[in-house]
Structures are given as C-alpha cells and as structure tokens.
C-alpha cells in the first residue's frame, strides 16, 4: 500500500506565494492579526498504519482536554471529533502573531482494512491520541463509541 503524506490545505504552491506576499506586507506595515472565520474547523494531523493484527491511528491533539475528545468507529470509518479551547493570557492586550489553531475539529478516517469495531481501544497521552483496532474478516456496520483512556 503506498504511503500518502498528509498535506494541509495551506501547503499548496499558491498558499506559499500568498504567505510570501503577507510576510512582505508584515515587514512594511507590521503584523495584522486575523481571526479565523466563525465555524471553521482545524484538521489535526494523523498517521494510519497497520501491524500484523491491528490498524493503528495516531493523531496529534496538543492542548486538547481528554473530556473534549469523542472517538467512534462505524464500518471502516473512524471518526475523531472534539475541541481545543482558546487560551487567553491574562495580561495580553493584542497579539502580534496567532498561528495555533483552536476550536472544533473533526476527522473522518477511512480505514484500510476490515476491523473489529467492538474491540477498538483508544489512549490519550502527552497530547497524542492512539486508536488501535484489531483487523477482522468482516465489517461491523453499526457505530461503536470508544472510551478514551488518559494518563
């Protein structure tokens, strides 16, 4: 199976050009902060790999509280959703640069193999979510909620 490198939408050639133009304006006029559009979700990066017996999904979710993460699997689709809450420094009057994403996120990941949904396990440690689902010779179509254990 070929390995696909995940490239967020902002890594396109056009976006690189726009960022260079923005940097030029920042150098001349100073930084102007722009909030993201209301309702816009961010996409946490994910790795999906398989072992002899499992499909493993690893997702970076730094700064997300365990209670704000929901994980479920239905058929061959793993869904991870949640929210990273905004942190406001008490003494900040204005931002010079704001690049960290916050707000709601949703990732629906098609799994490469038939899996045993009802035996899925999820763990969250140091801002990294790891979901391990045993491979199966069948697909269980009903949605299974997965409890995430934290450390």
N, C-alpha and C. Protein backbone atom coordinates (compact mmCIF):
# COMPACT_ATOMS: atom_id res chain seq x y z
N UNK A 1 0.84 -1.16 0.00
CA UNK A 1 0.00 0.00 0.00
C UNK A 1 0.90 1.24 0.00
N UNK A 2 0.66 2.21 -0.91
CA UNK A 2 1.52 3.39 -0.94
C UNK A 2 1.26 4.28 0.28
N UNK A 3 2.30 4.94 0.74
CA UNK A 3 2.19 5.86 1.87
C UNK A 3 1.90 7.25 1.30
N UNK A 4 0.84 7.88 1.79
CA UNK A 4 0.49 9.22 1.34
C UNK A 4 0.86 10.21 2.43
N UNK A 5 1.60 11.24 2.06
CA UNK A 5 1.95 12.29 3.00
C UNK A 5 0.77 13.25 3.09
N UNK A 6 0.32 13.51 4.32
CA UNK A 6 -0.79 14.43 4.51
C UNK A 6 -0.28 15.85 4.34
N UNK A 7 -0.91 16.58 3.49
CA UNK A 7 -0.54 17.98 3.28
C UNK A 7 -1.77 18.82 3.56
N UNK A 8 -1.71 19.64 4.61
CA UNK A 8 -2.84 20.51 4.88
C UNK A 8 -3.06 21.47 3.72
N UNK A 9 -4.27 22.00 3.64
CA UNK A 9 -4.64 22.85 2.51
C UNK A 9 -3.73 24.06 2.35
N UNK A 10 -3.06 24.50 3.42
CA UNK A 10 -2.23 25.70 3.31
C UNK A 10 -0.84 25.42 2.74
N UNK A 11 -0.54 24.18 2.37
CA UNK A 11 0.78 23.88 1.83
C UNK A 11 0.80 23.82 0.30
N UNK A 12 -0.11 24.44 -0.34
CA UNK A 12 -0.11 24.44 -1.80
C UNK A 12 0.81 25.53 -2.30
N UNK A 13 1.17 25.47 -3.57
CA UNK A 13 2.05 26.48 -4.15
C UNK A 13 1.47 27.88 -4.07
N UNK A 14 0.17 27.99 -4.34
CA UNK A 14 -0.48 29.30 -4.26
C UNK A 14 -0.41 29.84 -2.84
N UNK A 15 -0.63 28.97 -1.87
CA UNK A 15 -0.59 29.41 -0.48
C UNK A 15 0.82 29.87 -0.10
N UNK A 16 1.83 29.17 -0.58
CA UNK A 16 3.21 29.60 -0.32
C UNK A 16 3.45 31.01 -0.86
N UNK A 17 2.95 31.26 -2.06
CA UNK A 17 3.08 32.59 -2.65
C UNK A 17 2.36 33.64 -1.81
N UNK A 18 1.13 33.31 -1.38
CA UNK A 18 0.35 34.25 -0.57
C UNK A 18 1.05 34.55 0.76
N UNK A 19 1.66 33.53 1.35
CA UNK A 19 2.38 33.75 2.61
C UNK A 19 3.58 34.65 2.40
N UNK A 20 4.26 34.51 1.28
CA UNK A 20 5.40 35.39 0.98
C UNK A 20 4.94 36.83 0.81
N UNK A 21 3.82 37.03 0.13
CA UNK A 21 3.25 38.37 -0.02
C UNK A 21 2.87 38.93 1.35
N UNK A 22 2.23 38.08 2.18
CA UNK A 22 1.83 38.52 3.52
C UNK A 22 3.05 38.92 4.35
N UNK A 23 4.13 38.14 4.27
CA UNK A 23 5.35 38.48 5.00
C UNK A 23 5.90 39.83 4.55
N UNK A 24 5.84 40.09 3.25
CA UNK A 24 6.32 41.37 2.73
C UNK A 24 5.50 42.52 3.30
N UNK A 25 4.18 42.36 3.34
CA UNK A 25 3.31 43.38 3.93
C UNK A 25 3.58 43.54 5.42
N UNK A 26 3.79 42.42 6.11
CA UNK A 26 4.10 42.49 7.55
C UNK A 26 5.39 43.25 7.79
N UNK A 27 6.40 43.01 6.96
CA UNK A 27 7.67 43.71 7.12
C UNK A 27 7.49 45.22 6.95
N UNK A 28 6.61 45.59 6.04
CA UNK A 28 6.42 47.00 5.75
C UNK A 28 5.43 47.67 6.70
N UNK A 29 4.25 47.04 6.92
CA UNK A 29 3.18 47.67 7.69
C UNK A 29 3.08 47.17 9.13
N UNK A 30 3.73 46.07 9.45
CA UNK A 30 3.55 45.45 10.77
C UNK A 30 2.49 44.36 10.68
N UNK A 31 2.43 43.52 11.70
CA UNK A 31 1.54 42.36 11.72
C UNK A 31 0.10 42.77 11.99
N UNK A 32 -0.80 42.26 11.18
CA UNK A 32 -2.23 42.44 11.39
C UNK A 32 -2.81 41.06 11.71
N UNK A 33 -3.42 40.91 12.87
CA UNK A 33 -3.97 39.60 13.21
C UNK A 33 -5.35 39.46 12.61
N UNK A 34 -5.65 38.25 12.14
CA UNK A 34 -6.94 37.98 11.55
C UNK A 34 -7.50 36.72 12.19
N UNK A 35 -8.66 36.83 12.83
CA UNK A 35 -9.26 35.62 13.39
C UNK A 35 -9.76 34.72 12.27
N UNK A 36 -9.79 33.44 12.56
CA UNK A 36 -10.36 32.50 11.59
C UNK A 36 -11.85 32.75 11.47
N UNK A 37 -12.40 32.36 10.34
CA UNK A 37 -13.83 32.53 10.13
C UNK A 37 -14.60 31.70 11.15
N UNK A 38 -15.69 32.23 11.62
CA UNK A 38 -16.52 31.53 12.60
C UNK A 38 -17.01 30.21 12.01
N UNK A 39 -16.89 29.15 12.76
CA UNK A 39 -17.34 27.85 12.29
C UNK A 39 -16.29 27.07 11.52
N UNK A 40 -15.15 27.69 11.22
CA UNK A 40 -14.09 27.00 10.50
C UNK A 40 -13.41 26.01 11.44
N UNK A 41 -13.25 24.77 10.98
CA UNK A 41 -12.62 23.73 11.80
C UNK A 41 -11.17 23.57 11.40
N UNK A 42 -10.36 23.11 12.34
CA UNK A 42 -8.97 22.80 12.04
C UNK A 42 -8.83 21.30 11.90
N UNK A 43 -7.80 20.87 11.22
CA UNK A 43 -7.58 19.45 10.96
C UNK A 43 -6.29 18.99 11.62
N UNK A 44 -6.41 18.23 12.71
CA UNK A 44 -5.19 17.71 13.33
C UNK A 44 -4.54 16.67 12.42
N UNK A 45 -3.20 16.63 12.37
CA UNK A 45 -2.52 15.65 11.53
C UNK A 45 -2.69 14.23 12.08
N UNK A 46 -2.67 13.27 11.17
CA UNK A 46 -2.91 11.88 11.55
C UNK A 46 -1.98 10.95 10.79
N UNK A 47 -1.56 9.87 11.45
CA UNK A 47 -0.84 8.77 10.80
C UNK A 47 -1.73 7.54 10.94
N UNK A 48 -1.80 6.74 9.88
CA UNK A 48 -2.54 5.48 9.92
C UNK A 48 -1.58 4.40 9.42
N UNK A 49 -1.43 3.34 10.22
CA UNK A 49 -0.58 2.23 9.79
C UNK A 49 -1.18 0.93 10.29
N UNK A 50 -0.66 -0.17 9.76
CA UNK A 50 -1.14 -1.47 10.20
C UNK A 50 0.02 -2.33 10.67
N UNK A 51 -0.30 -3.20 11.61
CA UNK A 51 0.62 -4.23 12.07
C UNK A 51 0.05 -5.56 11.60
N UNK A 52 0.63 -6.66 12.04
CA UNK A 52 0.09 -7.96 11.64
C UNK A 52 -1.37 -8.13 12.04
N UNK A 53 -1.74 -7.61 13.21
CA UNK A 53 -3.10 -7.84 13.69
C UNK A 53 -3.97 -6.62 13.89
N UNK A 54 -3.42 -5.41 13.75
CA UNK A 54 -4.18 -4.21 14.08
C UNK A 54 -4.04 -3.13 13.01
N UNK A 55 -5.03 -2.23 13.01
CA UNK A 55 -4.91 -0.95 12.32
C UNK A 55 -4.74 0.08 13.42
N UNK A 56 -3.74 0.95 13.29
CA UNK A 56 -3.42 1.93 14.33
C UNK A 56 -3.53 3.33 13.73
N UNK A 57 -4.22 4.20 14.45
CA UNK A 57 -4.37 5.60 14.05
C UNK A 57 -3.76 6.45 15.15
N UNK A 58 -2.84 7.34 14.79
CA UNK A 58 -2.18 8.22 15.75
C UNK A 58 -2.45 9.66 15.32
N UNK A 59 -2.99 10.46 16.25
CA UNK A 59 -3.38 11.83 15.93
C UNK A 59 -2.80 12.79 16.97
N UNK A 60 -2.18 13.87 16.51
CA UNK A 60 -1.65 14.89 17.40
C UNK A 60 -2.76 15.85 17.81
N UNK A 61 -3.00 15.93 19.12
CA UNK A 61 -4.04 16.82 19.67
C UNK A 61 -3.50 17.61 20.85
N UNK A 62 -2.37 18.30 20.70
CA UNK A 62 -1.81 19.02 21.84
C UNK A 62 -2.76 20.11 22.33
N UNK A 63 -2.87 20.22 23.64
CA UNK A 63 -3.71 21.25 24.22
C UNK A 63 -5.18 20.92 24.26
N UNK A 64 -5.56 19.72 23.84
CA UNK A 64 -6.97 19.31 23.88
C UNK A 64 -7.19 18.51 25.16
N UNK A 65 -8.21 18.88 25.93
CA UNK A 65 -8.53 18.14 27.15
C UNK A 65 -9.17 16.81 26.80
N UNK A 66 -8.86 15.79 27.58
CA UNK A 66 -9.38 14.44 27.35
C UNK A 66 -10.90 14.44 27.23
N UNK A 67 -11.59 15.19 28.09
CA UNK A 67 -13.05 15.18 28.07
C UNK A 67 -13.63 15.86 26.82
N UNK A 68 -12.80 16.54 26.04
CA UNK A 68 -13.26 17.20 24.81
C UNK A 68 -13.03 16.35 23.56
N UNK A 69 -12.65 15.09 23.73
CA UNK A 69 -12.38 14.20 22.60
C UNK A 69 -13.45 13.12 22.53
N UNK A 70 -14.05 12.95 21.34
CA UNK A 70 -15.02 11.87 21.11
C UNK A 70 -14.50 11.02 19.96
N UNK A 71 -14.50 9.71 20.16
CA UNK A 71 -13.99 8.78 19.15
C UNK A 71 -15.06 7.72 18.91
N UNK A 72 -15.33 7.43 17.63
CA UNK A 72 -16.27 6.36 17.29
C UNK A 72 -15.81 5.73 15.99
N UNK A 73 -16.30 4.52 15.75
CA UNK A 73 -15.98 3.83 14.50
C UNK A 73 -17.24 3.13 14.02
N UNK A 74 -17.53 3.29 12.73
CA UNK A 74 -18.68 2.65 12.09
C UNK A 74 -18.20 2.10 10.75
N UNK A 75 -18.39 0.80 10.54
CA UNK A 75 -17.88 0.20 9.31
C UNK A 75 -16.38 0.34 9.27
N UNK A 76 -15.87 0.93 8.20
CA UNK A 76 -14.43 1.15 8.06
C UNK A 76 -14.07 2.63 8.21
N UNK A 77 -14.89 3.39 8.95
CA UNK A 77 -14.63 4.82 9.13
C UNK A 77 -14.48 5.13 10.61
N UNK A 78 -13.32 5.67 10.97
CA UNK A 78 -13.05 6.13 12.32
C UNK A 78 -13.32 7.63 12.35
N UNK A 79 -14.10 8.07 13.34
CA UNK A 79 -14.40 9.50 13.49
C UNK A 79 -13.82 9.98 14.81
N UNK A 80 -13.04 11.06 14.73
CA UNK A 80 -12.49 11.71 15.93
C UNK A 80 -12.94 13.17 15.86
N UNK A 81 -13.61 13.60 16.91
CA UNK A 81 -14.05 14.99 16.95
C UNK A 81 -13.83 15.56 18.33
N UNK A 82 -13.77 16.86 18.40
CA UNK A 82 -13.58 17.50 19.69
C UNK A 82 -13.33 18.97 19.54
N UNK A 83 -12.69 19.53 20.57
CA UNK A 83 -12.45 20.97 20.57
C UNK A 83 -11.20 21.29 21.37
N UNK A 84 -10.40 22.18 20.82
CA UNK A 84 -9.29 22.76 21.58
C UNK A 84 -9.75 24.16 21.97
N UNK A 85 -9.84 24.38 23.26
CA UNK A 85 -10.36 25.65 23.77
C UNK A 85 -9.29 26.74 23.69
N UNK A 86 -9.75 27.92 23.47
CA UNK A 86 -8.87 29.09 23.34
C UNK A 86 -8.26 29.45 24.68
N UNK A 87 -6.98 29.69 24.68
CA UNK A 87 -6.28 30.15 25.89
C UNK A 87 -5.97 31.63 25.72
N UNK A 88 -6.42 32.42 26.66
CA UNK A 88 -6.16 33.86 26.62
C UNK A 88 -5.22 34.23 27.76
N UNK A 89 -4.04 34.74 27.44
CA UNK A 89 -3.18 35.22 28.52
C UNK A 89 -3.85 36.39 29.23
N UNK A 90 -3.79 36.40 30.55
CA UNK A 90 -4.49 37.41 31.34
C UNK A 90 -4.04 38.83 30.99
N UNK A 91 -2.76 39.01 30.72
CA UNK A 91 -2.26 40.37 30.52
C UNK A 91 -2.12 40.76 29.04
N UNK A 92 -2.53 39.92 28.12
CA UNK A 92 -2.36 40.23 26.69
C UNK A 92 -3.37 41.29 26.26
N UNK A 93 -2.87 42.34 25.63
CA UNK A 93 -3.75 43.37 25.08
C UNK A 93 -3.99 43.12 23.60
N UNK A 94 -2.98 42.63 22.92
CA UNK A 94 -3.10 42.37 21.49
C UNK A 94 -2.08 41.30 21.10
N UNK A 95 -2.42 40.53 20.10
CA UNK A 95 -1.49 39.53 19.58
C UNK A 95 -0.67 40.13 18.45
N UNK A 96 0.60 39.74 18.38
CA UNK A 96 1.44 40.08 17.25
C UNK A 96 1.40 38.97 16.21
N UNK A 97 1.24 37.75 16.68
CA UNK A 97 1.13 36.60 15.79
C UNK A 97 0.27 35.57 16.49
N UNK A 98 -0.66 34.99 15.75
CA UNK A 98 -1.52 33.95 16.31
C UNK A 98 -1.64 32.84 15.27
N UNK A 99 -0.90 31.75 15.46
CA UNK A 99 -0.88 30.67 14.48
C UNK A 99 -1.47 29.37 15.01
N UNK A 100 -1.55 29.22 16.31
CA UNK A 100 -2.07 27.96 16.87
C UNK A 100 -3.57 27.88 16.61
N UNK A 101 -3.97 26.74 16.11
CA UNK A 101 -5.38 26.54 15.79
C UNK A 101 -6.15 26.18 17.05
N UNK A 102 -7.38 26.66 17.11
CA UNK A 102 -8.25 26.29 18.22
C UNK A 102 -9.66 26.15 17.67
N UNK A 103 -10.54 25.70 18.53
CA UNK A 103 -11.93 25.50 18.12
C UNK A 103 -12.21 24.03 17.86
N UNK A 104 -13.29 23.80 17.16
CA UNK A 104 -13.73 22.43 16.89
C UNK A 104 -12.89 21.79 15.79
N UNK A 105 -12.77 20.47 15.88
CA UNK A 105 -12.12 19.71 14.82
C UNK A 105 -12.93 18.44 14.58
N UNK A 106 -12.80 17.91 13.38
CA UNK A 106 -13.47 16.67 13.00
C UNK A 106 -12.62 15.99 11.95
N UNK A 107 -12.25 14.74 12.21
CA UNK A 107 -11.54 13.93 11.23
C UNK A 107 -12.31 12.63 11.05
N UNK A 108 -12.60 12.30 9.81
CA UNK A 108 -13.22 11.02 9.47
C UNK A 108 -12.19 10.29 8.61
N UNK A 109 -11.72 9.16 9.13
CA UNK A 109 -10.60 8.46 8.51
C UNK A 109 -11.08 7.10 8.01
N UNK A 110 -10.94 6.88 6.71
CA UNK A 110 -11.29 5.58 6.15
C UNK A 110 -10.15 4.62 6.47
N UNK A 111 -10.50 3.51 7.09
CA UNK A 111 -9.50 2.53 7.50
C UNK A 111 -9.18 1.59 6.33
N UNK A 112 -7.93 1.15 6.21
CA UNK A 112 -7.51 0.37 5.06
C UNK A 112 -7.95 -1.10 5.10
N UNK A 113 -8.44 -1.56 6.22
CA UNK A 113 -8.79 -2.97 6.40
C UNK A 113 -10.14 -3.08 7.09
N UNK A 114 -10.79 -4.23 6.94
CA UNK A 114 -11.96 -4.53 7.77
C UNK A 114 -11.46 -4.66 9.20
N UNK A 115 -12.20 -4.09 10.14
CA UNK A 115 -11.76 -4.08 11.53
C UNK A 115 -12.87 -4.56 12.46
N UNK A 116 -12.45 -4.98 13.65
CA UNK A 116 -13.40 -5.39 14.69
C UNK A 116 -13.70 -4.16 15.55
N UNK A 117 -14.70 -3.39 15.13
CA UNK A 117 -15.05 -2.13 15.78
C UNK A 117 -15.26 -2.27 17.28
N UNK A 118 -15.92 -3.35 17.66
CA UNK A 118 -16.30 -3.52 19.07
C UNK A 118 -15.10 -3.84 19.97
N UNK A 119 -13.92 -4.03 19.39
CA UNK A 119 -12.72 -4.28 20.19
C UNK A 119 -11.70 -3.14 20.09
N UNK A 120 -12.14 -2.00 19.58
CA UNK A 120 -11.25 -0.85 19.44
C UNK A 120 -10.86 -0.30 20.81
N UNK A 121 -9.64 0.20 20.90
CA UNK A 121 -9.14 0.81 22.14
C UNK A 121 -8.51 2.15 21.78
N UNK A 122 -8.66 3.12 22.67
CA UNK A 122 -8.06 4.44 22.44
C UNK A 122 -7.37 4.91 23.71
N UNK A 123 -6.21 5.52 23.55
CA UNK A 123 -5.46 6.07 24.69
C UNK A 123 -4.97 7.46 24.30
N UNK A 124 -4.94 8.36 25.28
CA UNK A 124 -4.51 9.74 25.06
C UNK A 124 -3.44 10.08 26.08
N UNK A 125 -2.24 10.39 25.58
CA UNK A 125 -1.12 10.70 26.47
C UNK A 125 -0.24 11.76 25.82
N UNK A 126 0.12 12.77 26.59
CA UNK A 126 1.03 13.83 26.13
C UNK A 126 0.55 14.48 24.83
N UNK A 127 -0.76 14.66 24.69
CA UNK A 127 -1.30 15.33 23.51
C UNK A 127 -1.39 14.48 22.27
N UNK A 128 -1.19 13.17 22.42
CA UNK A 128 -1.25 12.26 21.27
C UNK A 128 -2.33 11.21 21.52
N UNK A 129 -3.28 11.10 20.59
CA UNK A 129 -4.34 10.10 20.64
C UNK A 129 -3.90 8.90 19.80
N UNK A 130 -4.00 7.70 20.38
CA UNK A 130 -3.66 6.47 19.66
C UNK A 130 -4.87 5.54 19.73
N UNK A 131 -5.41 5.21 18.56
CA UNK A 131 -6.55 4.30 18.46
C UNK A 131 -6.05 3.02 17.80
N UNK A 132 -6.28 1.89 18.47
CA UNK A 132 -5.85 0.58 17.97
C UNK A 132 -7.09 -0.27 17.76
N UNK A 133 -7.25 -0.78 16.53
CA UNK A 133 -8.44 -1.57 16.19
C UNK A 133 -7.97 -2.88 15.56
N UNK A 134 -8.35 -4.02 16.15
CA UNK A 134 -7.94 -5.30 15.56
C UNK A 134 -8.54 -5.50 14.16
N UNK A 135 -7.77 -6.12 13.29
CA UNK A 135 -8.25 -6.45 11.95
C UNK A 135 -9.27 -7.59 12.04
N UNK A 136 -10.16 -7.62 11.06
CA UNK A 136 -11.19 -8.68 11.02
C UNK A 136 -11.43 -9.07 9.58
N UNK A 137 -12.14 -10.16 9.41
CA UNK A 137 -12.52 -10.58 8.07
C UNK A 137 -13.93 -10.12 7.73
N UNK A 138 -14.47 -9.22 8.54
CA UNK A 138 -15.83 -8.74 8.32
C UNK A 138 -15.91 -7.27 8.74
N UNK A 139 -16.98 -6.60 8.35
CA UNK A 139 -17.20 -5.21 8.74
C UNK A 139 -18.45 -5.13 9.59
N UNK A 140 -18.33 -4.55 10.77
CA UNK A 140 -19.47 -4.32 11.66
C UNK A 140 -19.97 -2.91 11.36
N UNK A 141 -21.15 -2.80 10.74
CA UNK A 141 -21.63 -1.52 10.25
C UNK A 141 -22.14 -0.59 11.33
N UNK A 142 -22.60 -1.12 12.47
CA UNK A 142 -23.16 -0.22 13.48
C UNK A 142 -22.05 0.61 14.13
N UNK A 143 -22.41 1.82 14.56
CA UNK A 143 -21.43 2.72 15.17
C UNK A 143 -21.12 2.28 16.59
N UNK A 144 -19.84 2.26 16.91
CA UNK A 144 -19.37 1.91 18.25
C UNK A 144 -18.65 3.13 18.82
N UNK A 145 -19.08 3.58 20.01
CA UNK A 145 -18.38 4.66 20.72
C UNK A 145 -17.19 4.04 21.43
N UNK A 146 -16.06 4.73 21.40
CA UNK A 146 -14.84 4.22 22.00
C UNK A 146 -14.45 5.12 23.16
N UNK A 147 -14.31 4.54 24.34
CA UNK A 147 -13.89 5.31 25.52
C UNK A 147 -12.39 5.55 25.42
N UNK A 148 -11.99 6.81 25.59
CA UNK A 148 -10.58 7.18 25.52
C UNK A 148 -10.01 7.22 26.93
N UNK A 149 -8.94 6.46 27.15
CA UNK A 149 -8.29 6.45 28.46
C UNK A 149 -7.13 7.43 28.43
N UNK A 150 -7.01 8.20 29.49
CA UNK A 150 -5.93 9.17 29.59
C UNK A 150 -4.99 8.83 30.72
N UNK A 151 -3.81 9.42 30.66
CA UNK A 151 -2.83 9.22 31.73
C UNK A 151 -2.51 10.53 32.38
